[in-house]
Amino acid sequence: MSAYSSDLDLKVTDATGNGVEVDVATNLLDGTVRLSVLWTQEIYLHPDDAERVAQSLLRAAQHGRRIADARKPETDQTTSSSD
């Protein structure tokens, strides 16, 4: 089982029509974000698709921050003073 959750709303393929795809995924264990270009090392995007990838990365970053924040140990906000 993968620890990564892909953005299922992102359906972006290469503008040249060669079937290359982009995948944006969030690691559910530590909140890191993975950007993958599948089947090659580069991809050419139409402007609208580039914007969709950017929006997907923003969503993944927000999701990752929530996961990372949940993993942080709670800090003790109480202070005690002694006279």
PDB file of N, CA and C in Angstrom:
ATOM      1  N   MET A   1       0.835  -1.172   0.000  1.00  0.00           N
ATOM      2  CA  MET A   1       0.000   0.000   0.000  1.00  0.00           C
ATOM      3  C   MET A   1       0.885   1.243   0.000  1.00  0.00           C
ATOM      4  N   SER A   2       0.554   2.188  -0.842  1.00  0.00           N
ATOM      5  CA  SER A   2       1.319   3.418  -0.952  1.00  0.00           C
ATOM      6  C   SER A   2       0.897   4.409   0.121  1.00  0.00           C
ATOM      7  N   ALA A   3       1.866   5.171   0.586  1.00  0.00           N
ATOM      8  CA  ALA A   3       1.570   6.226   1.549  1.00  0.00           C
ATOM      9  C   ALA A   3       1.129   7.493   0.836  1.00  0.00           C
ATOM     10  N   TYR A   4       1.190   7.510  -0.490  1.00  0.00           N
ATOM     11  CA  TYR A   4       0.857   8.696  -1.263  1.00  0.00           C
ATOM     12  C   TYR A   4      -0.579   8.658  -1.757  1.00  0.00           C
ATOM     13  N   SER A   5      -1.215   9.808  -1.708  1.00  0.00           N
ATOM     14  CA  SER A   5      -2.571   9.969  -2.214  1.00  0.00           C
ATOM     15  C   SER A   5      -2.533  10.967  -3.366  1.00  0.00           C
ATOM     16  N   SER A   6      -2.832  10.480  -4.563  1.00  0.00           N
ATOM     17  CA  SER A   6      -2.795  11.333  -5.746  1.00  0.00           C
ATOM     18  C   SER A   6      -4.018  12.239  -5.819  1.00  0.00           C
ATOM     19  N   ASP A   7      -3.845  13.369  -6.475  1.00  0.00           N
ATOM     20  CA  ASP A   7      -4.944  14.290  -6.741  1.00  0.00           C
ATOM     21  C   ASP A   7      -5.763  13.706  -7.885  1.00  0.00           C
ATOM     22  N   LEU A   8      -6.891  13.125  -7.564  1.00  0.00           N
ATOM     23  CA  LEU A   8      -7.714  12.452  -8.571  1.00  0.00           C
ATOM     24  C   LEU A   8      -8.408  13.424  -9.514  1.00  0.00           C
ATOM     25  N   ASP A   9      -8.454  14.712  -9.135  1.00  0.00           N
ATOM     26  CA  ASP A   9      -9.064  15.719 -10.002  1.00  0.00           C
ATOM     27  C   ASP A   9      -8.111  16.188 -11.104  1.00  0.00           C
ATOM     28  N   LEU A  10      -6.834  15.858 -10.984  1.00  0.00           N
ATOM     29  CA  LEU A  10      -5.846  16.311 -11.956  1.00  0.00           C
ATOM     30  C   LEU A  10      -5.756  15.315 -13.105  1.00  0.00           C
ATOM     31  N   LYS A  11      -6.167  15.752 -14.275  1.00  0.00           N
ATOM     32  CA  LYS A  11      -6.098  14.925 -15.483  1.00  0.00           C
ATOM     33  C   LYS A  11      -5.364  15.746 -16.537  1.00  0.00           C
ATOM     34  N   VAL A  12      -4.035  15.712 -16.510  1.00  0.00           N
ATOM     35  CA  VAL A  12      -3.228  16.525 -17.413  1.00  0.00           C
ATOM     36  C   VAL A  12      -2.266  15.633 -18.174  1.00  0.00           C
ATOM     37  N   THR A  13      -2.275  15.773 -19.502  1.00  0.00           N
ATOM     38  CA  THR A  13      -1.344  15.029 -20.343  1.00  0.00           C
ATOM     39  C   THR A  13      -0.572  16.003 -21.220  1.00  0.00           C
ATOM     40  N   ASP A  14       0.501  15.517 -21.806  1.00  0.00           N
ATOM     41  CA  ASP A  14       1.410  16.300 -22.631  1.00  0.00           C
ATOM     42  C   ASP A  14       0.689  16.937 -23.814  1.00  0.00           C
ATOM     43  N   ALA A  15       1.041  18.187 -24.097  1.00  0.00           N
ATOM     44  CA  ALA A  15       0.417  18.932 -25.193  1.00  0.00           C
ATOM     45  C   ALA A  15       0.752  18.355 -26.555  1.00  0.00           C
ATOM     46  N   THR A  16       1.830  17.573 -26.641  1.00  0.00           N
ATOM     47  CA  THR A  16       2.216  16.993 -27.931  1.00  0.00           C
ATOM     48  C   THR A  16       1.452  15.725 -28.245  1.00  0.00           C
ATOM     49  N   GLY A  17       0.668  15.246 -27.284  1.00  0.00           N
ATOM     50  CA  GLY A  17      -0.151  14.060 -27.526  1.00  0.00           C
ATOM     51  C   GLY A  17       0.567  12.739 -27.381  1.00  0.00           C
ATOM     52  N   ASN A  18       1.729  12.723 -26.722  1.00  0.00           N
ATOM     53  CA  ASN A  18       2.474  11.464 -26.599  1.00  0.00           C
ATOM     54  C   ASN A  18       2.099  10.640 -25.374  1.00  0.00           C
ATOM     55  N   GLY A  19       1.074  11.061 -24.637  1.00  0.00           N
ATOM     56  CA  GLY A  19       0.577  10.254 -23.517  1.00  0.00           C
ATOM     57  C   GLY A  19       1.265  10.474 -22.192  1.00  0.00           C
ATOM     58  N   VAL A  20       2.226  11.398 -22.108  1.00  0.00           N
ATOM     59  CA  VAL A  20       2.900  11.689 -20.849  1.00  0.00           C
ATOM     60  C   VAL A  20       1.890  12.334 -19.902  1.00  0.00           C
ATOM     61  N   GLU A  21       1.952  11.961 -18.632  1.00  0.00           N
ATOM     62  CA  GLU A  21       1.006  12.461 -17.642  1.00  0.00           C
ATOM     63  C   GLU A  21       1.723  13.110 -16.473  1.00  0.00           C
ATOM     64  N   VAL A  22       1.001  13.971 -15.766  1.00  0.00           N
ATOM     65  CA  VAL A  22       1.489  14.586 -14.537  1.00  0.00           C
ATOM     66  C   VAL A  22       0.705  13.992 -13.376  1.00  0.00           C
ATOM     67  N   ASP A  23       1.407  13.748 -12.265  1.00  0.00           N
ATOM     68  CA  ASP A  23       0.752  13.269 -11.052  1.00  0.00           C
ATOM     69  C   ASP A  23       1.237  14.110  -9.887  1.00  0.00           C
ATOM     70  N   VAL A  24       0.311  14.599  -9.087  1.00  0.00           N
ATOM     71  CA  VAL A  24       0.625  15.304  -7.845  1.00  0.00           C
ATOM     72  C   VAL A  24       0.017  14.486  -6.722  1.00  0.00           C
ATOM     73  N   ALA A  25       0.841  14.159  -5.727  1.00  0.00           N
ATOM     74  CA  ALA A  25       0.378  13.320  -4.630  1.00  0.00           C
ATOM     75  C   ALA A  25       0.927  13.820  -3.304  1.00  0.00           C
ATOM     76  N   THR A  26       0.181  13.574  -2.243  1.00  0.00           N
ATOM     77  CA  THR A  26       0.583  13.943  -0.887  1.00  0.00           C
ATOM     78  C   THR A  26       0.878  12.685  -0.093  1.00  0.00           C
ATOM     79  N   ASN A  27       2.015  12.682   0.625  1.00  0.00           N
ATOM     80  CA  ASN A  27       2.352  11.573   1.500  1.00  0.00           C
ATOM     81  C   ASN A  27       1.489  11.702   2.755  1.00  0.00           C
ATOM     82  N   LEU A  28       0.656  10.691   3.000  1.00  0.00           N
ATOM     83  CA  LEU A  28      -0.287  10.751   4.115  1.00  0.00           C
ATOM     84  C   LEU A  28       0.386  10.539   5.466  1.00  0.00           C
ATOM     85  N   LEU A  29       1.653  10.125   5.459  1.00  0.00           N
ATOM     86  CA  LEU A  29       2.369   9.898   6.709  1.00  0.00           C
ATOM     87  C   LEU A  29       3.116  11.133   7.191  1.00  0.00           C
ATOM     88  N   ASP A  30       3.728  11.884   6.262  1.00  0.00           N
ATOM     89  CA  ASP A  30       4.523  13.025   6.704  1.00  0.00           C
ATOM     90  C   ASP A  30       4.177  14.343   6.013  1.00  0.00           C
ATOM     91  N   GLY A  31       3.262  14.328   5.040  1.00  0.00           N
ATOM     92  CA  GLY A  31       2.806  15.555   4.410  1.00  0.00           C
ATOM     93  C   GLY A  31       3.638  16.044   3.240  1.00  0.00           C
ATOM     94  N   THR A  32       4.694  15.317   2.860  1.00  0.00           N
ATOM     95  CA  THR A  32       5.482  15.757   1.712  1.00  0.00           C
ATOM     96  C   THR A  32       4.655  15.635   0.437  1.00  0.00           C
ATOM     97  N   VAL A  33       4.991  16.457  -0.541  1.00  0.00           N
ATOM     98  CA  VAL A  33       4.276  16.490  -1.812  1.00  0.00           C
ATOM     99  C   VAL A  33       5.180  15.939  -2.905  1.00  0.00           C
ATOM    100  N   ARG A  34       4.635  15.038  -3.718  1.00  0.00           N
ATOM    101  CA  ARG A  34       5.382  14.444  -4.830  1.00  0.00           C
ATOM    102  C   ARG A  34       4.789  14.940  -6.145  1.00  0.00           C
ATOM    103  N   LEU A  35       5.644  15.459  -7.009  1.00  0.00           N
ATOM    104  CA  LEU A  35       5.258  15.836  -8.363  1.00  0.00           C
ATOM    105  C   LEU A  35       5.949  14.854  -9.292  1.00  0.00           C
ATOM    106  N   SER A  36       5.166  14.089 -10.042  1.00  0.00           N
ATOM    107  CA  SER A  36       5.717  13.089 -10.947  1.00  0.00           C
ATOM    108  C   SER A  36       5.325  13.399 -12.378  1.00  0.00           C
ATOM    109  N   VAL A  37       6.283  13.232 -13.272  1.00  0.00           N
ATOM    110  CA  VAL A  37       6.004  13.262 -14.701  1.00  0.00           C
ATOM    111  C   VAL A  37       6.161  11.816 -15.147  1.00  0.00           C
ATOM    112  N   LEU A  38       5.055  11.197 -15.530  1.00  0.00           N
ATOM    113  CA  LEU A  38       5.047   9.766 -15.804  1.00  0.00           C
ATOM    114  C   LEU A  38       5.413   9.478 -17.256  1.00  0.00           C
ATOM    115  N   TRP A  39       6.264   8.516 -17.429  1.00  0.00           N
ATOM    116  CA  TRP A  39       6.667   7.953 -18.722  1.00  0.00           C
ATOM    117  C   TRP A  39       7.778   8.727 -19.420  1.00  0.00           C
ATOM    118  N   THR A  40       8.271   9.813 -18.846  1.00  0.00           N
ATOM    119  CA  THR A  40       9.342  10.580 -19.479  1.00  0.00           C
ATOM    120  C   THR A  40       9.976  11.509 -18.450  1.00  0.00           C
ATOM    121  N   GLN A  41      10.929  12.314 -18.891  1.00  0.00           N
ATOM    122  CA  GLN A  41      11.583  13.261 -17.981  1.00  0.00           C
ATOM    123  C   GLN A  41      11.071  14.681 -18.141  1.00  0.00           C
ATOM    124  N   GLU A  42      10.275  14.939 -19.146  1.00  0.00           N
ATOM    125  CA  GLU A  42       9.741  16.282 -19.325  1.00  0.00           C
ATOM    126  C   GLU A  42       8.351  16.215 -19.917  1.00  0.00           C
ATOM    127  N   ILE A  43       7.653  17.325 -19.775  1.00  0.00           N
ATOM    128  CA  ILE A  43       6.298  17.404 -20.288  1.00  0.00           C
ATOM    129  C   ILE A  43       6.051  18.823 -20.788  1.00  0.00           C
ATOM    130  N   TYR A  44       5.292  18.936 -21.848  1.00  0.00           N
ATOM    131  CA  TYR A  44       4.909  20.227 -22.411  1.00  0.00           C
ATOM    132  C   TYR A  44       3.427  20.429 -22.131  1.00  0.00           C
ATOM    133  N   LEU A  45       3.102  21.553 -21.505  1.00  0.00           N
ATOM    134  CA  LEU A  45       1.723  21.797 -21.082  1.00  0.00           C
ATOM    135  C   LEU A  45       1.130  23.005 -21.788  1.00  0.00           C
ATOM    136  N   HIS A  46      -0.155  22.898 -22.111  1.00  0.00           N
ATOM    137  CA  HIS A  46      -0.906  24.066 -22.542  1.00  0.00           C
ATOM    138  C   HIS A  46      -1.059  24.966 -21.318  1.00  0.00           C
ATOM    139  N   PRO A  47      -1.227  26.256 -21.498  1.00  0.00           N
ATOM    140  CA  PRO A  47      -1.352  27.163 -20.350  1.00  0.00           C
ATOM    141  C   PRO A  47      -2.442  26.755 -19.357  1.00  0.00           C
ATOM    142  N   ASP A  48      -3.599  26.338 -19.832  1.00  0.00           N
ATOM    143  CA  ASP A  48      -4.670  25.923 -18.923  1.00  0.00           C
ATOM    144  C   ASP A  48      -4.267  24.705 -18.103  1.00  0.00           C
ATOM    145  N   ASP A  49      -3.556  23.762 -18.732  1.00  0.00           N
ATOM    146  CA  ASP A  49      -3.090  22.578 -18.004  1.00  0.00           C
ATOM    147  C   ASP A  49      -2.011  22.942 -16.994  1.00  0.00           C
ATOM    148  N   ALA A  50      -1.137  23.876 -17.344  1.00  0.00           N
ATOM    149  CA  ALA A  50      -0.114  24.329 -16.398  1.00  0.00           C
ATOM    150  C   ALA A  50      -0.772  24.950 -15.167  1.00  0.00           C
ATOM    151  N   GLU A  51      -1.843  25.689 -15.388  1.00  0.00           N
ATOM    152  CA  GLU A  51      -2.573  26.273 -14.262  1.00  0.00           C
ATOM    153  C   GLU A  51      -3.218  25.184 -13.411  1.00  0.00           C
ATOM    154  N   ARG A  52      -3.753  24.133 -14.035  1.00  0.00           N
ATOM    155  CA  ARG A  52      -4.349  23.032 -13.273  1.00  0.00           C
ATOM    156  C   ARG A  52      -3.293  22.332 -12.420  1.00  0.00           C
ATOM    157  N   VAL A  53      -2.096  22.154 -12.960  1.00  0.00           N
ATOM    158  CA  VAL A  53      -1.012  21.541 -12.184  1.00  0.00           C
ATOM    159  C   VAL A  53      -0.644  22.439 -11.004  1.00  0.00           C
ATOM    160  N   ALA A  54      -0.550  23.739 -11.245  1.00  0.00           N
ATOM    161  CA  ALA A  54      -0.238  24.678 -10.169  1.00  0.00           C
ATOM    162  C   ALA A  54      -1.293  24.627  -9.069  1.00  0.00           C
ATOM    163  N   GLN A  55      -2.562  24.602  -9.443  1.00  0.00           N
ATOM    164  CA  GLN A  55      -3.640  24.522  -8.453  1.00  0.00           C
ATOM    165  C   GLN A  55      -3.571  23.212  -7.677  1.00  0.00           C
ATOM    166  N   SER A  56      -3.241  22.136  -8.371  1.00  0.00           N
ATOM    167  CA  SER A  56      -3.113  20.844  -7.701  1.00  0.00           C
ATOM    168  C   SER A  56      -1.969  20.865  -6.695  1.00  0.00           C
ATOM    169  N   LEU A  57      -0.857  21.489  -7.062  1.00  0.00           N
ATOM    170  CA  LEU A  57       0.264  21.611  -6.135  1.00  0.00           C
ATOM    171  C   LEU A  57      -0.115  22.439  -4.918  1.00  0.00           C
ATOM    172  N   LEU A  58      -0.886  23.496  -5.113  1.00  0.00           N
ATOM    173  CA  LEU A  58      -1.338  24.302  -3.982  1.00  0.00           C
ATOM    174  C   LEU A  58      -2.237  23.492  -3.049  1.00  0.00           C
ATOM    175  N   ARG A  59      -3.154  22.715  -3.628  1.00  0.00           N
ATOM    176  CA  ARG A  59      -4.020  21.860  -2.801  1.00  0.00           C
ATOM    177  C   ARG A  59      -3.177  20.850  -2.028  1.00  0.00           C
ATOM    178  N   ALA A  60      -2.194  20.250  -2.690  1.00  0.00           N
ATOM    179  CA  ALA A  60      -1.334  19.257  -2.036  1.00  0.00           C
ATOM    180  C   ALA A  60      -0.511  19.906  -0.929  1.00  0.00           C
ATOM    181  N   ALA A  61      -0.032  21.127  -1.160  1.00  0.00           N
ATOM    182  CA  ALA A  61       0.733  21.828  -0.131  1.00  0.00           C
ATOM    183  C   ALA A  61      -0.119  22.087   1.103  1.00  0.00           C
ATOM    184  N   GLN A  62      -1.357  22.515   0.904  1.00  0.00           N
ATOM    185  CA  GLN A  62      -2.255  22.745   2.033  1.00  0.00           C
ATOM    186  C   GLN A  62      -2.523  21.442   2.784  1.00  0.00           C
ATOM    187  N   HIS A  63      -2.770  20.376   2.041  1.00  0.00           N
ATOM    188  CA  HIS A  63      -3.024  19.073   2.651  1.00  0.00           C
ATOM    189  C   HIS A  63      -1.791  18.604   3.412  1.00  0.00           C
ATOM    190  N   GLY A  64      -0.627  18.773   2.798  1.00  0.00           N
ATOM    191  CA  GLY A  64       0.619  18.370   3.447  1.00  0.00           C
ATOM    192  C   GLY A  64       0.884  19.136   4.726  1.00  0.00           C
ATOM    193  N   ARG A  65       0.596  20.436   4.721  1.00  0.00           N
ATOM    194  CA  ARG A  65       0.775  21.236   5.940  1.00  0.00           C
ATOM    195  C   ARG A  65      -0.125  20.734   7.067  1.00  0.00           C
ATOM    196  N   ARG A  66      -1.373  20.393   6.727  1.00  0.00           N
ATOM    197  CA  ARG A  66      -2.280  19.872   7.754  1.00  0.00           C
ATOM    198  C   ARG A  66      -1.744  18.569   8.344  1.00  0.00           C
ATOM    199  N   ILE A  67      -1.225  17.698   7.486  1.00  0.00           N
ATOM    200  CA  ILE A  67      -0.671  16.423   7.969  1.00  0.00           C
ATOM    201  C   ILE A  67       0.554  16.678   8.836  1.00  0.00           C
ATOM    202  N   ALA A  68       1.469  17.524   8.358  1.00  0.00           N
ATOM    203  CA  ALA A  68       2.684  17.817   9.118  1.00  0.00           C
ATOM    204  C   ALA A  68       2.357  18.483  10.457  1.00  0.00           C
ATOM    205  N   ASP A  69       1.408  19.410  10.451  1.00  0.00           N
ATOM    206  CA  ASP A  69       1.019  20.072  11.703  1.00  0.00           C
ATOM    207  C   ASP A  69       0.419  19.087  12.688  1.00  0.00           C
ATOM    208  N   ALA A  70      -0.341  18.134  12.203  1.00  0.00           N
ATOM    209  CA  ALA A  70      -0.955  17.142  13.082  1.00  0.00           C
ATOM    210  C   ALA A  70       0.095  16.227  13.706  1.00  0.00           C
ATOM    211  N   ARG A  71       1.219  16.076  13.044  1.00  0.00           N
ATOM    212  CA  ARG A  71       2.284  15.211  13.556  1.00  0.00           C
ATOM    213  C   ARG A  71       3.188  15.907  14.559  1.00  0.00           C
ATOM    214  N   LYS A  72       3.151  17.238  14.597  1.00  0.00           N
ATOM    215  CA  LYS A  72       4.011  17.993  15.517  1.00  0.00           C
ATOM    216  C   LYS A  72       3.554  17.745  16.944  1.00  0.00           C
ATOM    217  N   PRO A  73       4.510  17.569  17.837  1.00  0.00           N
ATOM    218  CA  PRO A  73       4.113  17.430  19.245  1.00  0.00           C
ATOM    219  C   PRO A  73       3.532  18.742  19.743  1.00  0.00           C
ATOM    220  N   GLU A  74       2.541  18.613  20.571  1.00  0.00           N
ATOM    221  CA  GLU A  74       1.915  19.802  21.144  1.00  0.00           C
ATOM    222  C   GLU A  74       2.929  20.501  22.041  1.00  0.00           C
ATOM    223  N   THR A  75       3.008  21.801  21.915  1.00  0.00           N
ATOM    224  CA  THR A  75       3.893  22.561  22.789  1.00  0.00           C
ATOM    225  C   THR A  75       3.099  23.024  23.990  1.00  0.00           C
ATOM    226  N   ASP A  76       3.735  23.025  25.111  1.00  0.00           N
ATOM    227  CA  ASP A  76       3.077  23.442  26.345  1.00  0.00           C
ATOM    228  C   ASP A  76       2.996  24.961  26.363  1.00  0.00           C
ATOM    229  N   GLN A  77       1.784  25.478  26.256  1.00  0.00           N
ATOM    230  CA  GLN A  77       1.571  26.920  26.219  1.00  0.00           C
ATOM    231  C   GLN A  77       1.414  27.519  27.613  1.00  0.00           C
ATOM    232  N   THR A  78       1.411  26.700  28.647  1.00  0.00           N
ATOM    233  CA  THR A  78       1.244  27.228  30.002  1.00  0.00           C
ATOM    234  C   THR A  78       2.598  27.630  30.557  1.00  0.00           C
ATOM    235  N   THR A  79       2.601  28.681  31.283  1.00  0.00           N
ATOM    236  CA  THR A  79       3.823  29.115  31.949  1.00  0.00           C
ATOM    237  C   THR A  79       3.540  29.239  33.427  1.00  0.00           C
ATOM    238  N   SER A  80       4.512  28.921  34.196  1.00  0.00           N
ATOM    239  CA  SER A  80       4.332  29.068  35.641  1.00  0.00           C
ATOM    240  C   SER A  80       5.439  29.995  36.140  1.00  0.00           C
ATOM    241  N   SER A  81       5.069  30.839  37.029  1.00  0.00           N
ATOM    242  CA  SER A  81       6.061  31.733  37.632  1.00  0.00           C
ATOM    243  C   SER A  81       6.107  31.463  39.108  1.00  0.00           C
ATOM    244  N   SER A  82       7.274  31.505  39.634  1.00  0.00           N
ATOM    245  CA  SER A  82       7.422  31.315  41.083  1.00  0.00           C
ATOM    246  C   SER A  82       8.005  32.575  41.664  1.00  0.00           C
ATOM    247  N   ASP A  83       7.479  32.957  42.810  1.00  0.00           N
ATOM    248  CA  ASP A  83       7.941  34.187  43.475  1.00  0.00           C
ATOM    249  C   ASP A  83       9.031  33.882  44.433  1.00  0.00           C
TER     250      ASP A  83
END
